[in-house]
């Protein structure tokens, strides 16, 4: 899996977003860029193995086992 954080103007400041979800606004572009880089690095930290349960739009429940070492590739795009 690959995820990309994008930096841009948001709510009177600058923020980073993943898909359509924005972070809190930062006063400067550099602050938002730094925060996005930190978020991207944190995605690389391994966690514990766990079982995930979720319901799909058709109302069916599913269970998956997720390895704590299964981390996405991350990228920060400025602009």
Protein backbone atom coordinates (compact mmCIF):
# COMPACT_ATOMS: atom_id res chain seq x y z
CA UNK A 1 0.00 0.00 0.00
CA UNK A 2 1.20 3.52 -0.79
CA UNK A 3 -0.14 6.68 0.84
CA UNK A 4 0.63 10.27 -0.10
CA UNK A 5 0.33 13.35 2.09
CA UNK A 6 -0.22 16.61 0.21
CA UNK A 7 0.64 20.09 1.53
CA UNK A 8 -1.60 23.05 0.71
CA UNK A 9 -3.49 26.14 1.90
CA UNK A 10 -6.30 25.29 4.31
CA UNK A 11 -8.45 27.24 6.81
CA UNK A 12 -6.39 30.42 6.65
CA UNK A 13 -3.05 28.65 7.02
CA UNK A 14 -1.37 25.55 5.62
CA UNK A 15 -2.12 21.90 6.28
CA UNK A 16 -1.45 18.44 4.98
CA UNK A 17 -4.08 16.04 3.73
CA UNK A 18 -4.45 12.35 3.07
CA UNK A 19 -7.05 11.81 0.38
CA UNK A 20 -9.82 14.29 1.35
CA UNK A 21 -8.98 14.52 5.07
CA UNK A 22 -7.05 17.62 6.21
CA UNK A 23 -4.89 18.03 9.27
CA UNK A 24 -5.28 20.99 11.58
CA UNK A 25 -4.05 24.23 10.00
CA UNK A 26 -0.52 25.46 10.70
CA UNK A 27 0.65 29.07 10.59
CA UNK A 28 3.34 28.48 8.00
CA UNK A 29 3.94 26.24 5.03
CA UNK A 30 7.15 24.94 6.62
CA UNK A 31 5.29 23.94 9.80
CA UNK A 32 2.73 21.98 7.76
CA UNK A 33 5.49 20.32 5.74
CA UNK A 34 7.35 19.32 8.90
CA UNK A 35 4.17 17.91 10.44
CA UNK A 36 3.42 15.90 7.28
CA UNK A 37 6.92 14.43 7.28
CA UNK A 38 6.50 13.43 10.93
CA UNK A 39 3.12 11.81 10.16
CA UNK A 40 4.66 9.93 7.22
CA UNK A 41 7.53 8.64 9.40
CA UNK A 42 5.11 7.53 12.11
CA UNK A 43 3.30 5.39 9.54
CA UNK A 44 6.51 3.36 9.25
CA UNK A 45 6.60 2.37 12.93
CA UNK A 46 5.67 -1.25 13.42
CA UNK A 47 2.89 -2.04 15.83
CA UNK A 48 1.35 -5.17 17.29
CA UNK A 49 -0.38 -7.86 15.31
CA UNK A 50 -4.14 -7.48 15.67
CA UNK A 51 -7.47 -8.66 14.43
CA UNK A 52 -9.62 -6.06 12.67
CA UNK A 53 -13.41 -6.32 12.41
CA UNK A 54 -15.38 -4.08 10.06
CA UNK A 55 -18.81 -3.84 8.48
CA UNK A 56 -19.15 -3.28 4.74
CA UNK A 57 -21.85 -1.16 3.11
CA UNK A 58 -23.95 -4.27 2.47
CA UNK A 59 -24.16 -4.90 6.23
CA UNK A 60 -21.80 -7.89 6.36
CA UNK A 61 -19.12 -8.15 9.02
CA UNK A 62 -15.58 -9.21 8.14
CA UNK A 63 -12.54 -10.07 10.22
CA UNK A 64 -8.96 -9.75 9.09
CA UNK A 65 -5.68 -10.39 10.80
CA UNK A 66 -3.21 -7.55 10.42
CA UNK A 67 0.52 -7.97 11.01
CA UNK A 68 2.08 -5.12 12.96
CA UNK A 69 4.93 -5.06 10.47
CA UNK A 70 2.61 -4.52 7.47
CA UNK A 71 3.22 -0.80 7.01
CA UNK A 72 2.41 1.38 3.97
CA UNK A 73 4.95 3.18 1.83
CA UNK A 74 4.60 6.93 2.45
CA UNK A 75 5.33 10.06 0.46
CA UNK A 76 4.94 13.78 1.11
CA UNK A 77 4.10 15.96 -1.90
CA UNK A 78 4.63 19.68 -1.53
CA UNK A 79 2.04 21.44 -3.63
